[in-house]
Amino acid sequence: MNITKVQKDKKYRPILVLGILCLLMGLIAGCSSQQSGKNSQAPDKTAGQSAKPLSTAGTDNSVQIKAQKEKTEEEAISVELSIPQISGMKSQNLQAALNRKLAAETLNLKKQTVEDARAYYKETRESGDHFMPYEFVSSYSIHFNGNGILSITVENYRYSGGAHGLTDIIPYNFDLKTGQELALADLFPSGFDYPSIIDKQVRQEIATRPEEFFEGSEGFQGIGEQRSYYIEPGNIVVYFGQYEIAPYSSGIPEFAIPVILFGDNIDSRLRKE
């Protein structure tokens, strides 16, 4: 139909006006939709940032952990460090003290390993013996960070020739309010027989795969005093050094003990979600 004819005919004028209005509204809606689409495709400024801690940083309830990194290489040894460092605590003095503690053992071990590597490298250069470069690698894992408790393990790997290197795992279980490093016994009331509960669980797990462990006097004899451990949500994990109760092929034996087994006889902060 020709628009000119429609305009001449009063009968069609309302229809024409309505059609034009609809057309204009559609154009406006389309523009708005395109603008909205552009906004939704804008990059998220928070993408790639680390996840928030279990509770707000700065409350001493949980903290943020960042890596202090170091990487060097020389003829005698290669070194790669990733040392955990805390931020977000109210007390800067306490934070600095904990950070020194987190770094000290690794840095001392690195210093000794580097000195040994350089000395042996110099010796083999003079004697003509074959030399395999040493390695020292340090990394860490965060297992629990909340309710005023931080549990981290630092893994130090050293290779100084031979068939394989050795790995040491150093646990750090901190009360963030006091700075106290919590021994396993500190999690329980005085006099509570927590070792028997843990020993029973460890023996039960060993029984499911006995071929992975030493037998007799060389095998598991109980957790003893000052057992290494870390905390994860719902569990206390006790572990043993290489060759302590199992051959090298079994790695570092770890045993997760459910917190629920101790009932109310364990630090209440570990029973919270």
Protein backbone atom coordinates (compact mmCIF):
# COMPACT_ATOMS: atom_id res chain seq x y z
CA MET A 1 0.00 0.00 0.00
CA ASN A 2 1.36 3.48 -0.86
CA ILE A 3 1.96 5.69 2.21
CA THR A 4 0.73 8.75 0.31
CA LYS A 5 -2.65 7.13 -0.22
CA VAL A 6 -2.79 6.18 3.45
CA GLN A 7 -2.12 9.74 4.48
CA LYS A 8 -5.02 10.88 2.31
CA ASP A 9 -7.32 8.42 3.91
CA LYS A 10 -8.27 9.46 7.50
CA LYS A 11 -9.32 5.95 8.23
CA TYR A 12 -5.67 4.74 8.10
CA ARG A 13 -4.03 7.66 9.88
CA PRO A 14 -4.26 6.21 13.41
CA ILE A 15 -2.80 2.93 12.17
CA LEU A 16 0.11 4.75 10.55
CA VAL A 17 0.88 6.79 13.67
CA LEU A 18 0.80 3.67 15.82
CA GLY A 19 3.15 1.86 13.43
CA ILE A 20 5.66 4.72 13.47
CA LEU A 21 5.60 4.81 17.28
CA CYS A 22 6.21 1.08 17.45
CA LEU A 23 9.09 1.42 15.01
CA LEU A 24 10.71 4.19 17.09
CA MET A 25 10.31 2.20 20.31
CA GLY A 26 11.90 -0.82 18.72
CA LEU A 27 14.90 1.23 17.59
CA ILE A 28 15.35 2.67 21.08
CA ALA A 29 15.13 -0.77 22.69
CA GLY A 30 17.67 -2.16 20.24
CA CYS A 31 20.19 0.56 21.05
CA SER A 32 19.77 0.00 24.78
CA SER A 33 20.26 -3.73 24.34
CA GLN A 34 23.48 -3.21 22.37
CA GLN A 35 24.86 -0.86 25.00
CA SER A 36 23.97 -3.32 27.73
CA GLY A 37 25.69 -6.09 25.81
CA LYS A 38 28.85 -4.01 25.51
CA ASN A 39 28.86 -3.37 29.24
CA SER A 40 28.38 -7.04 30.08
CA GLN A 41 31.34 -7.99 27.91
CA ALA A 42 33.69 -5.55 29.64
CA PRO A 43 36.58 -7.34 31.34
CA ASP A 44 36.09 -8.21 35.01
CA LYS A 45 38.70 -6.28 36.99
CA THR A 46 38.71 -8.95 39.67
CA ALA A 47 39.45 -11.82 37.30
CA GLY A 48 42.68 -13.57 38.07
CA GLN A 49 42.92 -12.24 41.62
CA SER A 50 43.34 -14.70 44.46
CA ALA A 51 40.25 -15.96 46.25
CA LYS A 52 39.21 -14.25 49.47
CA PRO A 53 40.37 -15.87 52.71
CA LEU A 54 37.91 -17.75 54.88
CA SER A 55 37.12 -14.52 56.70
CA THR A 56 37.98 -10.88 56.26
CA ALA A 57 41.71 -10.23 56.18
CA GLY A 58 42.97 -7.95 58.91
CA THR A 59 40.81 -9.39 61.67
CA ASP A 60 43.49 -11.89 62.77
CA ASN A 61 40.82 -14.49 62.05
CA SER A 62 42.40 -15.40 58.76
CA VAL A 63 45.20 -13.87 56.76
CA GLN A 64 46.55 -13.63 53.26
CA ILE A 65 49.58 -15.63 52.15
CA LYS A 66 51.92 -14.61 49.35
CA ALA A 67 55.09 -16.25 48.12
CA GLN A 68 58.53 -14.77 48.59
CA LYS A 69 60.31 -16.19 45.54
CA GLU A 70 63.96 -16.72 44.72
CA LYS A 71 65.56 -18.51 41.79
CA THR A 72 69.29 -18.84 41.14
CA GLU A 73 71.49 -21.21 39.19
CA GLU A 74 75.22 -21.80 39.16
CA GLU A 75 77.51 -24.65 38.19
CA ALA A 76 77.36 -26.20 41.64
CA ILE A 77 73.65 -25.89 42.44
CA SER A 78 70.25 -24.64 41.30
CA VAL A 79 67.94 -23.06 43.88
CA GLU A 80 64.23 -22.29 43.60
CA LEU A 81 62.39 -21.00 46.64
CA SER A 82 58.76 -20.13 47.28
CA ILE A 83 58.51 -19.11 50.94
CA PRO A 84 55.10 -18.29 52.47
CA GLN A 85 54.74 -14.80 53.92
CA ILE A 86 51.73 -13.52 55.85
CA SER A 87 49.93 -10.22 55.35
CA GLY A 88 46.72 -8.78 56.77
CA MET A 89 47.34 -9.14 60.50
CA LYS A 90 46.46 -6.33 62.90
CA SER A 91 49.75 -6.63 64.76
CA GLN A 92 52.61 -5.86 62.39
CA ASN A 93 55.17 -6.96 65.01
CA LEU A 94 53.51 -10.34 65.41
CA GLN A 95 53.18 -10.68 61.64
CA ALA A 96 56.90 -9.95 61.16
CA ALA A 97 57.80 -12.52 63.82
CA LEU A 98 55.71 -15.23 62.15
CA ASN A 99 57.17 -14.42 58.74
CA ARG A 100 60.70 -14.74 60.10
CA LYS A 101 59.77 -18.10 61.56
CA LEU A 102 58.25 -19.28 58.26
CA ALA A 103 61.44 -18.40 56.38
CA ALA A 104 64.19 -19.21 58.88
CA GLU A 105 64.48 -23.00 58.59
CA THR A 106 64.27 -23.00 54.81
CA LEU A 107 66.87 -20.24 54.44
CA ASN A 108 69.23 -21.96 56.87
CA LEU A 109 68.85 -25.25 55.01
CA LYS A 110 69.41 -23.50 51.70
CA LYS A 111 72.58 -21.81 53.02
CA GLN A 112 74.02 -25.12 54.23
CA THR A 113 73.13 -26.93 50.99
CA VAL A 114 74.71 -24.21 48.84
CA GLU A 115 77.90 -24.29 50.92
CA ASP A 116 78.07 -28.09 50.64
CA ALA A 117 77.48 -27.97 46.89
CA ARG A 118 80.18 -25.39 46.27
CA ALA A 119 82.67 -27.23 48.43
CA TYR A 120 82.05 -30.57 46.70
CA TYR A 121 82.10 -28.93 43.27
CA LYS A 122 85.51 -27.42 44.03
CA GLU A 123 86.76 -30.78 45.28
CA THR A 124 85.68 -32.63 42.12
CA ARG A 125 87.25 -29.96 39.91
CA GLU A 126 90.56 -30.61 41.63
CA SER A 127 90.24 -34.41 41.69
CA GLY A 128 88.67 -34.83 38.27
CA ASP A 129 85.73 -36.81 39.69
CA HIS A 130 82.31 -36.58 38.11
CA PHE A 131 80.03 -33.98 39.64
CA MET A 132 76.24 -33.89 39.54
CA PRO A 133 74.84 -30.43 40.24
CA TYR A 134 72.92 -30.11 43.49
CA GLU A 135 69.31 -28.96 43.70
CA PHE A 136 67.37 -27.20 46.41
CA VAL A 137 63.64 -26.56 45.89
CA SER A 138 61.25 -25.18 48.48
CA SER A 139 57.46 -24.88 48.14
CA TYR A 140 54.50 -24.69 50.49
CA SER A 141 50.86 -25.68 50.91
CA ILE A 142 48.13 -23.85 52.84
CA HIS A 143 45.89 -26.39 54.57
CA PHE A 144 43.80 -24.30 56.98
CA ASN A 145 43.30 -20.54 57.27
CA GLY A 146 40.43 -19.45 59.47
CA ASN A 147 38.96 -19.25 62.96
CA GLY A 148 42.21 -17.74 64.20
CA ILE A 149 44.36 -20.68 63.09
CA LEU A 150 46.79 -20.97 60.18
CA SER A 151 48.21 -24.34 59.13
CA ILE A 152 50.93 -24.47 56.48
CA THR A 153 53.50 -27.04 55.45
CA VAL A 154 56.79 -26.13 53.78
CA GLU A 155 58.33 -28.80 51.57
CA ASN A 156 62.10 -28.70 51.09
CA TYR A 157 63.62 -30.98 48.45
CA ARG A 158 67.39 -31.51 48.31
CA TYR A 159 69.35 -33.43 45.72
CA SER A 160 73.06 -33.97 46.30
CA GLY A 161 73.81 -36.84 43.94
CA GLY A 162 72.81 -40.47 44.12
CA ALA A 163 69.68 -42.18 42.94
CA HIS A 164 67.23 -39.63 44.33
CA GLY A 165 66.88 -36.61 46.54
CA LEU A 166 65.32 -36.21 49.98
CA THR A 167 62.24 -34.27 50.99
CA ASP A 168 61.55 -32.71 54.38
CA ILE A 169 58.11 -31.34 55.27
CA ILE A 170 58.06 -28.69 57.97
CA PRO A 171 54.68 -27.96 59.60
CA TYR A 172 53.63 -24.54 60.87
CA ASN A 173 50.44 -24.45 62.92
CA PHE A 174 49.92 -20.94 64.29
CA ASP A 175 47.45 -19.39 66.68
CA LEU A 176 47.07 -16.06 64.88
CA LYS A 177 45.96 -14.19 67.99
CA THR A 178 48.95 -15.10 70.15
CA GLY A 179 51.54 -16.18 67.58
CA GLN A 180 51.95 -19.48 69.42
CA GLU A 181 53.06 -22.43 67.34
CA LEU A 182 50.64 -25.20 68.26
CA ALA A 183 52.04 -28.63 69.04
CA LEU A 184 49.65 -31.53 68.53
CA ALA A 185 49.09 -31.81 72.30
CA ASP A 186 48.01 -28.15 72.43
CA LEU A 187 44.83 -29.03 70.54
CA PHE A 188 43.54 -31.22 73.38
CA PRO A 189 42.80 -30.77 77.08
CA SER A 190 45.51 -31.89 79.48
CA GLY A 191 45.25 -35.58 80.29
CA PHE A 192 43.11 -36.50 77.30
CA ASP A 193 44.37 -39.69 75.63
CA TYR A 194 44.35 -38.45 72.05
CA PRO A 195 47.35 -40.63 71.00
CA SER A 196 45.37 -43.86 71.40
CA ILE A 197 42.64 -42.56 69.06
CA ILE A 198 45.18 -41.53 66.44
CA ASP A 199 47.23 -44.73 66.79
CA LYS A 200 44.13 -46.84 66.23
CA GLN A 201 43.25 -44.98 63.03
CA VAL A 202 46.80 -45.20 61.70
CA ARG A 203 46.99 -48.95 62.36
CA GLN A 204 43.66 -49.51 60.64
CA GLU A 205 44.85 -47.68 57.54
CA ILE A 206 48.20 -49.45 57.45
CA ALA A 207 46.31 -52.77 57.62
CA THR A 208 44.57 -51.93 54.33
CA ARG A 209 47.94 -51.66 52.49
CA PRO A 210 50.59 -53.40 54.60
CA GLU A 211 52.93 -53.91 51.64
CA GLU A 212 53.71 -50.17 51.68
CA PHE A 213 55.13 -50.15 55.23
CA PHE A 214 57.93 -51.67 57.26
CA GLU A 215 57.05 -54.52 59.60
CA GLY A 216 57.99 -55.35 63.17
CA SER A 217 60.23 -53.01 65.13
CA GLU A 218 60.91 -50.92 62.03
CA GLY A 219 57.22 -50.32 61.45
CA PHE A 220 54.68 -48.08 63.14
CA GLN A 221 55.05 -48.01 66.92
CA GLY A 222 52.67 -45.18 67.73
CA ILE A 223 52.75 -41.46 67.03
CA GLY A 224 54.96 -40.76 70.04
CA GLU A 225 55.64 -37.24 71.29
CA GLN A 226 55.94 -34.15 69.10
CA ARG A 227 54.40 -35.86 66.06
CA SER A 228 54.42 -33.70 62.94
CA TYR A 229 50.93 -32.75 61.77
CA TYR A 230 48.86 -30.20 59.94
CA ILE A 231 45.22 -29.20 60.04
CA GLU A 232 42.73 -29.36 57.20
CA PRO A 233 38.96 -28.77 57.36
CA GLY A 234 37.48 -31.70 59.27
CA ASN A 235 40.79 -33.51 59.85
CA ILE A 236 44.08 -33.55 61.66
CA VAL A 237 46.71 -35.05 59.38
CA VAL A 238 49.69 -36.74 61.05
CA TYR A 239 52.65 -37.71 58.90
CA PHE A 240 56.02 -39.43 59.03
CA GLY A 241 59.37 -38.71 57.46
CA GLN A 242 60.90 -40.68 54.62
CA TYR A 243 62.18 -44.06 55.83
CA GLU A 244 60.58 -43.54 59.26
CA ILE A 245 57.94 -46.28 58.95
CA ALA A 246 58.05 -47.08 55.22
CA PRO A 247 60.51 -47.40 52.32
CA TYR A 248 61.36 -44.50 50.01
CA SER A 249 58.92 -45.80 47.41
CA SER A 250 56.02 -45.14 49.80
CA GLY A 251 56.82 -41.45 49.94
CA ILE A 252 55.87 -39.50 53.06
CA PRO A 253 53.07 -41.44 54.80
CA GLU A 254 50.14 -39.25 55.83
CA PHE A 255 47.06 -40.20 57.84
CA ALA A 256 43.94 -38.03 58.04
CA ILE A 257 42.23 -38.34 61.42
CA PRO A 258 38.63 -37.01 61.47
CA VAL A 259 38.13 -34.29 64.08
CA ILE A 260 34.76 -35.80 64.96
CA LEU A 261 36.52 -38.79 66.58
CA PHE A 262 37.68 -36.58 69.45
CA GLY A 263 34.20 -35.31 70.30
CA ASP A 264 34.39 -32.14 72.41
CA ASN A 265 37.96 -32.92 73.48
CA ILE A 266 39.62 -30.83 70.79
CA ASP A 267 40.11 -27.14 70.18
CA SER A 268 36.64 -25.77 69.41
CA ARG A 269 38.02 -23.69 66.52
CA LEU A 270 38.63 -26.90 64.58
CA ARG A 271 35.01 -28.00 65.00
CA LYS A 272 33.65 -24.87 63.32
CA GLU A 273 32.75 -24.86 59.66
